[in-house]
């Protein structure tokens, strides 16, 4: 009876030992999973690089838009300044013309009194 138990125990031990070892198929499956993960990691890295490049391009375009807006604002301020200067000069000319008209009217009035 002891021999039978010993043989059964030995067989169970051997079966467990061989069943617990990785087979060639298991190793190939692990390698396939590793390759798939490597491919996914490479794709993720490429996607991240593309996203970084897109962000850089967006930043560059935003900077250009800001520059154009600042230039447009500067030109608008310059035009406003020129318009104000022209308006001031027109008012000055109108004032001078009005003074001349008054003088001419006064001269006319004096000549009419004589």
C-alpha atoms as a PDB file:
ATOM      1  CA  UNK A   1       0.000   0.000   0.000  1.00  0.00           C
ATOM      2  CA  UNK A   2       2.862   2.354   0.774  1.00  0.00           C
ATOM      3  CA  UNK A   3       4.372   1.631  -2.603  1.00  0.00           C
ATOM      4  CA  UNK A   4       1.120   2.429  -4.382  1.00  0.00           C
ATOM      5  CA  UNK A   5       0.794   5.725  -2.507  1.00  0.00           C
ATOM      6  CA  UNK A   6       4.415   6.502  -3.278  1.00  0.00           C
ATOM      7  CA  UNK A   7       3.905   5.788  -7.009  1.00  0.00           C
ATOM      8  CA  UNK A   8       0.689   7.853  -7.114  1.00  0.00           C
ATOM      9  CA  UNK A   9       2.399  10.714  -5.293  1.00  0.00           C
ATOM     10  CA  UNK A  10       5.352  10.566  -7.676  1.00  0.00           C
ATOM     11  CA  UNK A  11       3.016  10.590 -10.694  1.00  0.00           C
ATOM     12  CA  UNK A  12       1.068  13.536  -9.320  1.00  0.00           C
ATOM     13  CA  UNK A  13       4.306  15.396  -8.620  1.00  0.00           C
ATOM     14  CA  UNK A  14       5.573  14.760 -12.147  1.00  0.00           C
ATOM     15  CA  UNK A  15       2.210  15.770 -13.664  1.00  0.00           C
ATOM     16  CA  UNK A  16       2.147  18.991 -11.657  1.00  0.00           C
ATOM     17  CA  UNK A  17       5.762  19.749 -12.540  1.00  0.00           C
ATOM     18  CA  UNK A  18       5.177  19.299 -16.266  1.00  0.00           C
ATOM     19  CA  UNK A  19       1.800  21.012 -16.191  1.00  0.00           C
ATOM     20  CA  UNK A  20       3.258  24.036 -14.450  1.00  0.00           C
ATOM     21  CA  UNK A  21       6.045  24.539 -17.001  1.00  0.00           C
ATOM     22  CA  UNK A  22       5.554  26.859 -19.921  1.00  0.00           C
ATOM     23  CA  UNK A  23       5.150  25.206 -23.261  1.00  0.00           C
ATOM     24  CA  UNK A  24       6.500  26.412 -26.558  1.00  0.00           C
ATOM     25  CA  UNK A  25       3.024  27.664 -27.465  1.00  0.00           C
ATOM     26  CA  UNK A  26       2.854  29.661 -24.229  1.00  0.00           C
ATOM     27  CA  UNK A  27       6.206  31.279 -24.990  1.00  0.00           C
ATOM     28  CA  UNK A  28       5.123  32.137 -28.528  1.00  0.00           C
ATOM     29  CA  UNK A  29       1.909  33.654 -27.155  1.00  0.00           C
ATOM     30  CA  UNK A  30       3.884  35.790 -24.705  1.00  0.00           C
ATOM     31  CA  UNK A  31       6.226  36.905 -27.482  1.00  0.00           C
ATOM     32  CA  UNK A  32       3.255  37.780 -29.707  1.00  0.00           C
ATOM     33  CA  UNK A  33       1.737  39.864 -26.890  1.00  0.00           C
ATOM     34  CA  UNK A  34       5.074  41.634 -26.378  1.00  0.00           C
ATOM     35  CA  UNK A  35       5.281  42.446 -30.091  1.00  0.00           C
ATOM     36  CA  UNK A  36       1.704  43.727 -30.082  1.00  0.00           C
ATOM     37  CA  UNK A  37       2.444  45.936 -27.082  1.00  0.00           C
ATOM     38  CA  UNK A  38       5.609  47.215 -28.776  1.00  0.00           C
ATOM     39  CA  UNK A  39       3.622  48.084 -31.908  1.00  0.00           C
ATOM     40  CA  UNK A  40       1.015  49.877 -29.782  1.00  0.00           C
ATOM     41  CA  UNK A  41       3.751  51.760 -27.928  1.00  0.00           C
ATOM     42  CA  UNK A  42       5.354  52.814 -31.228  1.00  0.00           C
ATOM     43  CA  UNK A  43       1.978  53.971 -32.558  1.00  0.00           C
ATOM     44  CA  UNK A  44       1.330  55.907 -29.363  1.00  0.00           C
ATOM     45  CA  UNK A  45       4.739  57.564 -29.659  1.00  0.00           C
ATOM     46  CA  UNK A  46       4.029  58.511 -33.278  1.00  0.00           C
ATOM     47  CA  UNK A  47       0.610  59.874 -32.313  1.00  0.00           C
ATOM     48  CA  UNK A  48       2.171  61.904 -29.512  1.00  0.00           C
ATOM     49  CA  UNK A  49       4.784  63.316 -31.903  1.00  0.00           C
ATOM     50  CA  UNK A  50       2.077  64.226 -34.428  1.00  0.00           C
ATOM     51  CA  UNK A  51       0.054  65.908 -31.669  1.00  0.00           C
ATOM     52  CA  UNK A  52       3.124  67.841 -30.528  1.00  0.00           C
ATOM     53  CA  UNK A  53       3.808  68.998 -34.097  1.00  0.00           C
ATOM     54  CA  UNK A  54       0.156  70.036 -34.508  1.00  0.00           C
ATOM     55  CA  UNK A  55       0.327  71.967 -31.236  1.00  0.00           C
ATOM     56  CA  UNK A  56       3.546  73.669 -32.337  1.00  0.00           C
ATOM     57  CA  UNK A  57       1.908  74.620 -35.647  1.00  0.00           C
ATOM     58  CA  UNK A  58      -1.150  75.973 -33.822  1.00  0.00           C
ATOM     59  CA  UNK A  59       1.083  78.032 -31.537  1.00  0.00           C
ATOM     60  CA  UNK A  60       2.976  79.404 -34.536  1.00  0.00           C
ATOM     61  CA  UNK A  61      -0.258  80.358 -36.289  1.00  0.00           C
ATOM     62  CA  UNK A  62      -1.591  81.961 -33.109  1.00  0.00           C
ATOM     63  CA  UNK A  63       1.607  83.981 -32.766  1.00  0.00           C
ATOM     64  CA  UNK A  64       1.278  85.121 -36.383  1.00  0.00           C
ATOM     65  CA  UNK A  65      -2.355  86.084 -35.799  1.00  0.00           C
ATOM     66  CA  UNK A  66      -1.370  88.080 -32.721  1.00  0.00           C
ATOM     67  CA  UNK A  67       1.350  89.840 -34.729  1.00  0.00           C
ATOM     68  CA  UNK A  68      -1.108  90.687 -37.504  1.00  0.00           C
ATOM     69  CA  UNK A  69      -3.644  91.956 -34.976  1.00  0.00           C
ATOM     70  CA  UNK A  70      -1.044  94.121 -33.265  1.00  0.00           C
ATOM     71  CA  UNK A  71       0.067  95.516 -36.638  1.00  0.00           C
ATOM     72  CA  UNK A  72      -3.545  96.226 -37.612  1.00  0.00           C
ATOM     73  CA  UNK A  73      -4.127  97.958 -34.286  1.00  0.00           C
ATOM     74  CA  UNK A  74      -0.981 100.045 -34.779  1.00  0.00           C
ATOM     75  CA  UNK A  75      -2.105 101.047 -38.290  1.00  0.00           C
ATOM     76  CA  UNK A  76      -5.599 101.891 -37.026  1.00  0.00           C
ATOM     77  CA  UNK A  77      -4.163 104.081 -34.283  1.00  0.00           C
ATOM     78  CA  UNK A  78      -1.927 105.796 -36.836  1.00  0.00           C
ATOM     79  CA  UNK A  79      -4.908 106.422 -39.148  1.00  0.00           C
ATOM     80  CA  UNK A  80      -6.918 107.733 -36.205  1.00  0.00           C
ATOM     81  CA  UNK A  81      -4.084 110.096 -35.296  1.00  0.00           C
ATOM     82  CA  UNK A  82      -3.853 111.310 -38.912  1.00  0.00           C
ATOM     83  CA  UNK A  83      -7.637 111.778 -39.075  1.00  0.00           C
ATOM     84  CA  UNK A  84      -7.579 113.783 -35.842  1.00  0.00           C
ATOM     85  CA  UNK A  85      -4.749 115.916 -37.217  1.00  0.00           C
ATOM     86  CA  UNK A  86      -6.674 116.528 -40.455  1.00  0.00           C
ATOM     87  CA  UNK A  87      -9.796 117.389 -38.486  1.00  0.00           C
ATOM     88  CA  UNK A  88      -7.826 119.807 -36.305  1.00  0.00           C
ATOM     89  CA  UNK A  89      -6.320 121.428 -39.402  1.00  0.00           C
ATOM     90  CA  UNK A  90      -9.745 121.654 -41.061  1.00  0.00           C
ATOM     91  CA  UNK A  91     -11.139 123.316 -37.934  1.00  0.00           C
ATOM     92  CA  UNK A  92      -8.193 125.722 -37.944  1.00  0.00           C
ATOM     93  CA  UNK A  93      -8.772 126.542 -41.620  1.00  0.00           C
ATOM     94  CA  UNK A  94     -12.486 127.025 -40.955  1.00  0.00           C
ATOM     95  CA  UNK A  95     -11.669 129.345 -38.045  1.00  0.00           C
ATOM     96  CA  UNK A  96      -9.242 131.346 -40.199  1.00  0.00           C
ATOM     97  CA  UNK A  97     -11.780 131.480 -43.021  1.00  0.00           C
ATOM     98  CA  UNK A  98     -14.428 132.668 -40.576  1.00  0.00           C
ATOM     99  CA  UNK A  99     -12.096 135.383 -39.268  1.00  0.00           C
ATOM    100  CA  UNK A 100     -11.315 136.483 -42.811  1.00  0.00           C
ATOM    101  CA  UNK A 101     -15.025 136.495 -43.601  1.00  0.00           C
ATOM    102  CA  UNK A 102     -15.677 138.661 -40.530  1.00  0.00           C
ATOM    103  CA  UNK A 103     -12.892 141.047 -41.513  1.00  0.00           C
ATOM    104  CA  UNK A 104     -14.196 141.184 -45.059  1.00  0.00           C
ATOM    105  CA  UNK A 105     -17.712 141.802 -43.745  1.00  0.00           C
ATOM    106  CA  UNK A 106     -16.432 144.509 -41.409  1.00  0.00           C
ATOM    107  CA  UNK A 107     -14.507 146.096 -44.270  1.00  0.00           C
ATOM    108  CA  UNK A 108     -17.615 145.917 -46.434  1.00  0.00           C
ATOM    109  CA  UNK A 109     -19.717 147.424 -43.686  1.00  0.00           C
ATOM    110  CA  UNK A 110     -17.200 150.268 -43.260  1.00  0.00           C
ATOM    111  CA  UNK A 111     -17.150 150.913 -46.955  1.00  0.00           C
ATOM    112  CA  UNK A 112     -20.942 150.954 -47.047  1.00  0.00           C
ATOM    113  CA  UNK A 113     -21.063 153.547 -44.273  1.00  0.00           C
ATOM    114  CA  UNK A 114     -18.876 155.918 -46.255  1.00  0.00           C
END
